[in-house]
PDB file of N, CA and C in Angstrom:
ATOM      1  N   MET A   1     -16.715  12.843  -1.869  1.00  0.00           N
ATOM      2  CA  MET A   1     -16.151  11.578  -2.281  1.00  0.00           C
ATOM      3  C   MET A   1     -15.994  10.672  -1.052  1.00  0.00           C
ATOM      4  N   ASN A   2     -16.446   9.445  -1.176  1.00  0.00           N
ATOM      5  CA  ASN A   2     -16.290   8.475  -0.092  1.00  0.00           C
ATOM      6  C   ASN A   2     -14.877   7.921  -0.111  1.00  0.00           C
ATOM      7  N   VAL A   3     -14.186   8.042   1.003  1.00  0.00           N
ATOM      8  CA  VAL A   3     -12.826   7.516   1.060  1.00  0.00           C
ATOM      9  C   VAL A   3     -12.845   6.093   1.601  1.00  0.00           C
ATOM     10  N   TYR A   4     -11.819   5.357   1.254  1.00  0.00           N
ATOM     11  CA  TYR A   4     -11.665   3.988   1.711  1.00  0.00           C
ATOM     12  C   TYR A   4     -10.878   3.993   3.020  1.00  0.00           C
ATOM     13  N   GLU A   5     -11.253   3.115   3.929  1.00  0.00           N
ATOM     14  CA  GLU A   5     -10.529   2.967   5.181  1.00  0.00           C
ATOM     15  C   GLU A   5      -9.257   2.161   4.899  1.00  0.00           C
ATOM     16  N   ILE A   6      -8.148   2.579   5.493  1.00  0.00           N
ATOM     17  CA  ILE A   6      -6.873   1.892   5.305  1.00  0.00           C
ATOM     18  C   ILE A   6      -6.612   0.970   6.495  1.00  0.00           C
ATOM     19  N   ARG A   7      -6.291  -0.275   6.199  1.00  0.00           N
ATOM     20  CA  ARG A   7      -5.944  -1.253   7.230  1.00  0.00           C
ATOM     21  C   ARG A   7      -4.593  -1.866   6.883  1.00  0.00           C
ATOM     22  N   PHE A   8      -3.839  -2.270   7.894  1.00  0.00           N
ATOM     23  CA  PHE A   8      -2.533  -2.885   7.685  1.00  0.00           C
ATOM     24  C   PHE A   8      -2.531  -4.323   8.165  1.00  0.00           C
ATOM     25  N   THR A   9      -1.895  -5.211   7.404  1.00  0.00           N
ATOM     26  CA  THR A   9      -1.691  -6.579   7.867  1.00  0.00           C
ATOM     27  C   THR A   9      -0.516  -6.572   8.844  1.00  0.00           C
ATOM     28  N   LYS A  10      -0.342  -7.663   9.580  1.00  0.00           N
ATOM     29  CA  LYS A  10       0.786  -7.765  10.517  1.00  0.00           C
ATOM     30  C   LYS A  10       2.110  -7.615   9.777  1.00  0.00           C
ATOM     31  N   GLU A  11       2.192  -8.214   8.604  1.00  0.00           N
ATOM     32  CA  GLU A  11       3.416  -8.145   7.797  1.00  0.00           C
ATOM     33  C   GLU A  11       3.709  -6.701   7.388  1.00  0.00           C
ATOM     34  N   ALA A  12       2.688  -5.969   6.991  1.00  0.00           N
ATOM     35  CA  ALA A  12       2.873  -4.570   6.599  1.00  0.00           C
ATOM     36  C   ALA A  12       3.301  -3.715   7.790  1.00  0.00           C
ATOM     37  N   LEU A  13       2.738  -3.987   8.959  1.00  0.00           N
ATOM     38  CA  LEU A  13       3.137  -3.231  10.154  1.00  0.00           C
ATOM     39  C   LEU A  13       4.615  -3.449  10.480  1.00  0.00           C
ATOM     40  N   LYS A  14       5.118  -4.662  10.271  1.00  0.00           N
ATOM     41  CA  LYS A  14       6.541  -4.938  10.467  1.00  0.00           C
ATOM     42  C   LYS A  14       7.369  -4.125   9.482  1.00  0.00           C
ATOM     43  N   ASP A  15       6.905  -4.065   8.238  1.00  0.00           N
ATOM     44  CA  ASP A  15       7.610  -3.282   7.218  1.00  0.00           C
ATOM     45  C   ASP A  15       7.663  -1.810   7.600  1.00  0.00           C
ATOM     46  N   VAL A  16       6.541  -1.273   8.050  1.00  0.00           N
ATOM     47  CA  VAL A  16       6.453   0.147   8.395  1.00  0.00           C
ATOM     48  C   VAL A  16       7.401   0.489   9.539  1.00  0.00           C
ATOM     49  N   LYS A  17       7.510  -0.398  10.510  1.00  0.00           N
ATOM     50  CA  LYS A  17       8.412  -0.156  11.647  1.00  0.00           C
ATOM     51  C   LYS A  17       9.862   0.006  11.201  1.00  0.00           C
ATOM     52  N   LYS A  18      10.222  -0.625  10.098  1.00  0.00           N
ATOM     53  CA  LYS A  18      11.597  -0.573   9.598  1.00  0.00           C
ATOM     54  C   LYS A  18      11.873   0.665   8.738  1.00  0.00           C
ATOM     55  N   LEU A  19      10.836   1.392   8.358  1.00  0.00           N
ATOM     56  CA  LEU A  19      11.013   2.574   7.513  1.00  0.00           C
ATOM     57  C   LEU A  19      11.589   3.744   8.311  1.00  0.00           C
ATOM     58  N   THR A  20      12.288   4.613   7.613  1.00  0.00           N
ATOM     59  CA  THR A  20      12.794   5.834   8.248  1.00  0.00           C
ATOM     60  C   THR A  20      11.609   6.765   8.519  1.00  0.00           C
ATOM     61  N   PRO A  21      11.767   7.723   9.427  1.00  0.00           N
ATOM     62  CA  PRO A  21      10.668   8.678   9.679  1.00  0.00           C
ATOM     63  C   PRO A  21      10.212   9.388   8.403  1.00  0.00           C
ATOM     64  N   ARG A  22      11.158   9.706   7.531  1.00  0.00           N
ATOM     65  CA  ARG A  22      10.810  10.386   6.268  1.00  0.00           C
ATOM     66  C   ARG A  22       9.931   9.492   5.387  1.00  0.00           C
ATOM     67  N   LEU A  23      10.298   8.205   5.295  1.00  0.00           N
ATOM     68  CA  LEU A  23       9.501   7.281   4.484  1.00  0.00           C
ATOM     69  C   LEU A  23       8.155   6.974   5.118  1.00  0.00           C
ATOM     70  N   LYS A  24       8.098   6.960   6.435  1.00  0.00           N
ATOM     71  CA  LYS A  24       6.809   6.770   7.117  1.00  0.00           C
ATOM     72  C   LYS A  24       5.867   7.923   6.776  1.00  0.00           C
ATOM     73  N   ALA A  25       6.410   9.137   6.757  1.00  0.00           N
ATOM     74  CA  ALA A  25       5.600  10.313   6.414  1.00  0.00           C
ATOM     75  C   ALA A  25       5.144  10.239   4.959  1.00  0.00           C
ATOM     76  N   LYS A  26       6.032   9.795   4.066  1.00  0.00           N
ATOM     77  CA  LYS A  26       5.679   9.662   2.651  1.00  0.00           C
ATOM     78  C   LYS A  26       4.604   8.593   2.471  1.00  0.00           C
ATOM     79  N   LEU A  27       4.740   7.478   3.191  1.00  0.00           N
ATOM     80  CA  LEU A  27       3.752   6.404   3.136  1.00  0.00           C
ATOM     81  C   LEU A  27       2.379   6.929   3.566  1.00  0.00           C
ATOM     82  N   LYS A  28       2.354   7.639   4.676  1.00  0.00           N
ATOM     83  CA  LYS A  28       1.100   8.196   5.183  1.00  0.00           C
ATOM     84  C   LYS A  28       0.471   9.134   4.148  1.00  0.00           C
ATOM     85  N   ASP A  29       1.299   9.966   3.548  1.00  0.00           N
ATOM     86  CA  ASP A  29       0.828  10.923   2.547  1.00  0.00           C
ATOM     87  C   ASP A  29       0.224  10.205   1.336  1.00  0.00           C
ATOM     88  N   ILE A  30       0.916   9.184   0.835  1.00  0.00           N
ATOM     89  CA  ILE A  30       0.422   8.427  -0.322  1.00  0.00           C
ATOM     90  C   ILE A  30      -0.893   7.732   0.018  1.00  0.00           C
ATOM     91  N   LEU A  31      -0.955   7.118   1.197  1.00  0.00           N
ATOM     92  CA  LEU A  31      -2.168   6.393   1.582  1.00  0.00           C
ATOM     93  C   LEU A  31      -3.355   7.340   1.767  1.00  0.00           C
ATOM     94  N   GLU A  32      -3.127   8.487   2.406  1.00  0.00           N
ATOM     95  CA  GLU A  32      -4.220   9.425   2.669  1.00  0.00           C
ATOM     96  C   GLU A  32      -4.675  10.176   1.416  1.00  0.00           C
ATOM     97  N   LYS A  33      -3.727  10.627   0.601  1.00  0.00           N
ATOM     98  CA  LYS A  33      -4.068  11.487  -0.532  1.00  0.00           C
ATOM     99  C   LYS A  33      -4.350  10.743  -1.827  1.00  0.00           C
ATOM    100  N   GLN A  34      -3.851   9.522  -1.950  1.00  0.00           N
ATOM    101  CA  GLN A  34      -4.044   8.802  -3.197  1.00  0.00           C
ATOM    102  C   GLN A  34      -4.825   7.506  -3.012  1.00  0.00           C
ATOM    103  N   VAL A  35      -4.285   6.592  -2.226  1.00  0.00           N
ATOM    104  CA  VAL A  35      -4.881   5.256  -2.130  1.00  0.00           C
ATOM    105  C   VAL A  35      -6.266   5.277  -1.495  1.00  0.00           C
ATOM    106  N   SER A  36      -6.452   6.034  -0.426  1.00  0.00           N
ATOM    107  CA  SER A  36      -7.759   6.041   0.238  1.00  0.00           C
ATOM    108  C   SER A  36      -8.841   6.694  -0.613  1.00  0.00           C
ATOM    109  N   GLN A  37      -8.433   7.557  -1.541  1.00  0.00           N
ATOM    110  CA  GLN A  37      -9.401   8.259  -2.380  1.00  0.00           C
ATOM    111  C   GLN A  37      -9.586   7.609  -3.750  1.00  0.00           C
ATOM    112  N   GLU A  38      -8.498   7.089  -4.310  1.00  0.00           N
ATOM    113  CA  GLU A  38      -8.562   6.434  -5.624  1.00  0.00           C
ATOM    114  C   GLU A  38      -7.724   5.159  -5.595  1.00  0.00           C
ATOM    115  N   PRO A  39      -8.222   4.128  -4.916  1.00  0.00           N
ATOM    116  CA  PRO A  39      -7.414   2.917  -4.749  1.00  0.00           C
ATOM    117  C   PRO A  39      -7.036   2.225  -6.061  1.00  0.00           C
ATOM    118  N   TYR A  40      -7.839   2.406  -7.090  1.00  0.00           N
ATOM    119  CA  TYR A  40      -7.544   1.754  -8.367  1.00  0.00           C
ATOM    120  C   TYR A  40      -6.493   2.499  -9.179  1.00  0.00           C
ATOM    121  N   SER A  41      -5.936   3.579  -8.605  1.00  0.00           N
ATOM    122  CA  SER A  41      -4.895   4.340  -9.302  1.00  0.00           C
ATOM    123  C   SER A  41      -3.553   3.612  -9.280  1.00  0.00           C
ATOM    124  N   GLY A  42      -3.412   2.622  -8.400  1.00  0.00           N
ATOM    125  CA  GLY A  42      -2.176   1.840  -8.340  1.00  0.00           C
ATOM    126  C   GLY A  42      -2.069   0.901  -9.529  1.00  0.00           C
ATOM    127  N   LYS A  43      -0.877   0.335  -9.694  1.00  0.00           N
ATOM    128  CA  LYS A  43      -0.635  -0.613 -10.778  1.00  0.00           C
ATOM    129  C   LYS A  43      -1.223  -1.967 -10.400  1.00  0.00           C
ATOM    130  N   LYS A  44      -2.079  -2.501 -11.248  1.00  0.00           N
ATOM    131  CA  LYS A  44      -2.665  -3.827 -11.022  1.00  0.00           C
ATOM    132  C   LYS A  44      -1.582  -4.863 -11.268  1.00  0.00           C
ATOM    133  N   LEU A  45      -1.373  -5.733 -10.282  1.00  0.00           N
ATOM    134  CA  LEU A  45      -0.336  -6.751 -10.417  1.00  0.00           C
ATOM    135  C   LEU A  45      -0.876  -7.961 -11.176  1.00  0.00           C
ATOM    136  N   VAL A  46       0.033  -8.817 -11.622  1.00  0.00           N
ATOM    137  CA  VAL A  46      -0.342  -9.969 -12.452  1.00  0.00           C
ATOM    138  C   VAL A  46       0.160 -11.262 -11.810  1.00  0.00           C
ATOM    139  N   GLY A  47      -0.198 -12.374 -12.410  1.00  0.00           N
ATOM    140  CA  GLY A  47       0.254 -13.684 -11.934  1.00  0.00           C
ATOM    141  C   GLY A  47      -0.344 -14.026 -10.583  1.00  0.00           C
ATOM    142  N   GLN A  48       0.503 -14.524  -9.685  1.00  0.00           N
ATOM    143  CA  GLN A  48       0.036 -14.927  -8.355  1.00  0.00           C
ATOM    144  C   GLN A  48      -0.457 -13.744  -7.543  1.00  0.00           C
ATOM    145  N   LEU A  49      -0.066 -12.538  -7.916  1.00  0.00           N
ATOM    146  CA  LEU A  49      -0.453 -11.333  -7.171  1.00  0.00           C
ATOM    147  C   LEU A  49      -1.563 -10.553  -7.877  1.00  0.00           C
ATOM    148  N   LYS A  50      -2.325 -11.217  -8.738  1.00  0.00           N
ATOM    149  CA  LYS A  50      -3.305 -10.499  -9.552  1.00  0.00           C
ATOM    150  C   LYS A  50      -4.432  -9.840  -8.754  1.00  0.00           C
ATOM    151  N   ALA A  51      -4.605 -10.206  -7.497  1.00  0.00           N
ATOM    152  CA  ALA A  51      -5.631  -9.573  -6.661  1.00  0.00           C
ATOM    153  C   ALA A  51      -5.111  -8.310  -5.970  1.00  0.00           C
ATOM    154  N   PHE A  52      -3.858  -7.942  -6.258  1.00  0.00           N
ATOM    155  CA  PHE A  52      -3.215  -6.837  -5.562  1.00  0.00           C
ATOM    156  C   PHE A  52      -2.871  -5.674  -6.487  1.00  0.00           C
ATOM    157  N   TYR A  53      -2.628  -4.526  -5.855  1.00  0.00           N
ATOM    158  CA  TYR A  53      -2.196  -3.319  -6.544  1.00  0.00           C
ATOM    159  C   TYR A  53      -0.900  -2.851  -5.902  1.00  0.00           C
ATOM    160  N   SER A  54      -0.147  -2.046  -6.628  1.00  0.00           N
ATOM    161  CA  SER A  54       1.140  -1.575  -6.131  1.00  0.00           C
ATOM    162  C   SER A  54       1.337  -0.103  -6.475  1.00  0.00           C
ATOM    163  N   ILE A  55       1.943   0.614  -5.539  1.00  0.00           N
ATOM    164  CA  ILE A  55       2.322   2.017  -5.761  1.00  0.00           C
ATOM    165  C   ILE A  55       3.750   2.172  -5.247  1.00  0.00           C
ATOM    166  N   ARG A  56       4.537   2.918  -5.981  1.00  0.00           N
ATOM    167  CA  ARG A  56       5.944   3.129  -5.625  1.00  0.00           C
ATOM    168  C   ARG A  56       6.062   4.024  -4.389  1.00  0.00           C
ATOM    169  N   LEU A  57       6.862   3.568  -3.422  1.00  0.00           N
ATOM    170  CA  LEU A  57       7.186   4.361  -2.239  1.00  0.00           C
ATOM    171  C   LEU A  57       8.548   5.029  -2.443  1.00  0.00           C
ATOM    172  N   THR A  58       9.523   4.249  -2.912  1.00  0.00           N
ATOM    173  CA  THR A  58      10.844   4.769  -3.289  1.00  0.00           C
ATOM    174  C   THR A  58      11.233   4.065  -4.586  1.00  0.00           C
ATOM    175  N   PHE A  59      12.471   4.282  -5.023  1.00  0.00           N
ATOM    176  CA  PHE A  59      12.942   3.618  -6.239  1.00  0.00           C
ATOM    177  C   PHE A  59      12.782   2.107  -6.136  1.00  0.00           C
ATOM    178  N   GLN A  60      13.082   1.547  -4.960  1.00  0.00           N
ATOM    179  CA  GLN A  60      12.987   0.096  -4.773  1.00  0.00           C
ATOM    180  C   GLN A  60      11.742  -0.348  -4.021  1.00  0.00           C
ATOM    181  N   ASP A  61      11.250   0.480  -3.131  1.00  0.00           N
ATOM    182  CA  ASP A  61      10.149   0.066  -2.254  1.00  0.00           C
ATOM    183  C   ASP A  61       8.773   0.310  -2.858  1.00  0.00           C
ATOM    184  N   ARG A  62       7.882  -0.636  -2.587  1.00  0.00           N
ATOM    185  CA  ARG A  62       6.512  -0.558  -3.092  1.00  0.00           C
ATOM    186  C   ARG A  62       5.523  -0.733  -1.948  1.00  0.00           C
ATOM    187  N   ILE A  63       4.361  -0.144  -2.117  1.00  0.00           N
ATOM    188  CA  ILE A  63       3.233  -0.385  -1.226  1.00  0.00           C
ATOM    189  C   ILE A  63       2.349  -1.373  -1.978  1.00  0.00           C
ATOM    190  N   VAL A  64       2.141  -2.544  -1.416  1.00  0.00           N
ATOM    191  CA  VAL A  64       1.305  -3.564  -2.053  1.00  0.00           C
ATOM    192  C   VAL A  64       0.025  -3.681  -1.242  1.00  0.00           C
ATOM    193  N   TYR A  65      -1.110  -3.571  -1.929  1.00  0.00           N
ATOM    194  CA  TYR A  65      -2.388  -3.565  -1.221  1.00  0.00           C
ATOM    195  C   TYR A  65      -3.479  -4.253  -2.020  1.00  0.00           C
ATOM    196  N   SER A  66      -4.547  -4.590  -1.320  1.00  0.00           N
ATOM    197  CA  SER A  66      -5.738  -5.153  -1.955  1.00  0.00           C
ATOM    198  C   SER A  66      -6.925  -4.271  -1.583  1.00  0.00           C
ATOM    199  N   ILE A  67      -7.982  -4.400  -2.354  1.00  0.00           N
ATOM    200  CA  ILE A  67      -9.161  -3.551  -2.171  1.00  0.00           C
ATOM    201  C   ILE A  67     -10.375  -4.409  -1.849  1.00  0.00           C
ATOM    202  N   ASP A  68     -11.062  -4.042  -0.765  1.00  0.00           N
ATOM    203  CA  ASP A  68     -12.329  -4.681  -0.400  1.00  0.00           C
ATOM    204  C   ASP A  68     -13.415  -3.671  -0.767  1.00  0.00           C
ATOM    205  N   GLU A  69     -13.897  -3.783  -1.987  1.00  0.00           N
ATOM    206  CA  GLU A  69     -14.862  -2.814  -2.511  1.00  0.00           C
ATOM    207  C   GLU A  69     -16.159  -2.802  -1.707  1.00  0.00           C
ATOM    208  N   GLU A  70     -16.626  -3.965  -1.326  1.00  0.00           N
ATOM    209  CA  GLU A  70     -17.903  -4.077  -0.614  1.00  0.00           C
ATOM    210  C   GLU A  70     -17.890  -3.308   0.713  1.00  0.00           C
ATOM    211  N   ASN A  71     -16.778  -3.410   1.442  1.00  0.00           N
ATOM    212  CA  ASN A  71     -16.670  -2.741   2.737  1.00  0.00           C
ATOM    213  C   ASN A  71     -15.881  -1.432   2.677  1.00  0.00           C
ATOM    214  N   ARG A  72     -15.478  -1.033   1.455  1.00  0.00           N
ATOM    215  CA  ARG A  72     -14.725   0.208   1.224  1.00  0.00           C
ATOM    216  C   ARG A  72     -13.478   0.283   2.104  1.00  0.00           C
ATOM    217  N   LYS A  73     -12.691  -0.793   2.034  1.00  0.00           N
ATOM    218  CA  LYS A  73     -11.442  -0.855   2.792  1.00  0.00           C
ATOM    219  C   LYS A  73     -10.295  -1.216   1.862  1.00  0.00           C
ATOM    220  N   VAL A  74      -9.130  -0.684   2.186  1.00  0.00           N
ATOM    221  CA  VAL A  74      -7.900  -1.037   1.496  1.00  0.00           C
ATOM    222  C   VAL A  74      -6.999  -1.711   2.524  1.00  0.00           C
ATOM    223  N   TYR A  75      -6.500  -2.887   2.182  1.00  0.00           N
ATOM    224  CA  TYR A  75      -5.601  -3.624   3.073  1.00  0.00           C
ATOM    225  C   TYR A  75      -4.181  -3.536   2.534  1.00  0.00           C
ATOM    226  N   VAL A  76      -3.301  -2.899   3.306  1.00  0.00           N
ATOM    227  CA  VAL A  76      -1.896  -2.802   2.937  1.00  0.00           C
ATOM    228  C   VAL A  76      -1.222  -4.090   3.393  1.00  0.00           C
ATOM    229  N   HIS A  77      -0.594  -4.788   2.436  1.00  0.00           N
ATOM    230  CA  HIS A  77       0.043  -6.068   2.734  1.00  0.00           C
ATOM    231  C   HIS A  77       1.550  -5.934   2.905  1.00  0.00           C
ATOM    232  N   ARG A  78       2.171  -5.054   2.136  1.00  0.00           N
ATOM    233  CA  ARG A  78       3.614  -4.847   2.246  1.00  0.00           C
ATOM    234  C   ARG A  78       3.926  -3.374   1.994  1.00  0.00           C
ATOM    235  N   ALA A  79       5.047  -2.942   2.574  1.00  0.00           N
ATOM    236  CA  ALA A  79       5.530  -1.581   2.363  1.00  0.00           C
ATOM    237  C   ALA A  79       7.056  -1.602   2.370  1.00  0.00           C
ATOM    238  N   LYS A  80       7.592  -2.363   1.418  1.00  0.00           N
ATOM    239  CA  LYS A  80       9.047  -2.512   1.343  1.00  0.00           C
ATOM    240  C   LYS A  80       9.473  -2.938  -0.045  1.00  0.00           C
ATOM    241  N   THR A  81      10.744  -3.225  -0.168  1.00  0.00           N
ATOM    242  CA  THR A  81      11.300  -3.608  -1.457  1.00  0.00           C
ATOM    243  C   THR A  81      10.823  -4.984  -1.916  1.00  0.00           C
ATOM    244  N   HIS A  82      10.778  -5.150  -3.212  1.00  0.00           N
ATOM    245  CA  HIS A  82      10.519  -6.487  -3.743  1.00  0.00           C
ATOM    246  C   HIS A  82      11.786  -7.029  -4.425  1.00  0.00           C
ATOM    247  N   TYR A  83      12.921  -6.371  -4.148  1.00  0.00           N
ATOM    248  CA  TYR A  83      14.207  -6.803  -4.714  1.00  0.00           C
ATOM    249  C   TYR A  83      15.055  -7.556  -3.704  1.00  0.00           C
ATOM    250  N   GLY A  84      14.527  -7.888  -2.553  1.00  0.00           N
ATOM    251  CA  GLY A  84      15.298  -8.546  -1.509  1.00  0.00           C
ATOM    252  C   GLY A  84      15.811  -7.515  -0.515  1.00  0.00           C
ATOM    253  N   GLU A  85      16.365  -7.980   0.550  1.00  0.00           N
ATOM    254  CA  GLU A  85      16.812  -7.081   1.636  1.00  0.00           C
ATOM    255  C   GLU A  85      18.034  -6.325   1.239  1.00  0.00           C
TER     256      GLU A  85
END
């Protein structure tokens, strides 16, 4: 199976820096075992975010990403809550 390369935006890197070590490990696990292998397994978002997908990191936190099918890359845009700080 061809896996997708994972890339992070500057905004996502800021989010990751704020995560606890445990959540960083969980994020890595989700990206390596799920998103890089089956990127369309995430929830397709709607409205202004219709080009994005989301996977739950914690009860409140989500991983928001887009897929570049042509270049087989996944771009992580956010890795935090969407309920505010």
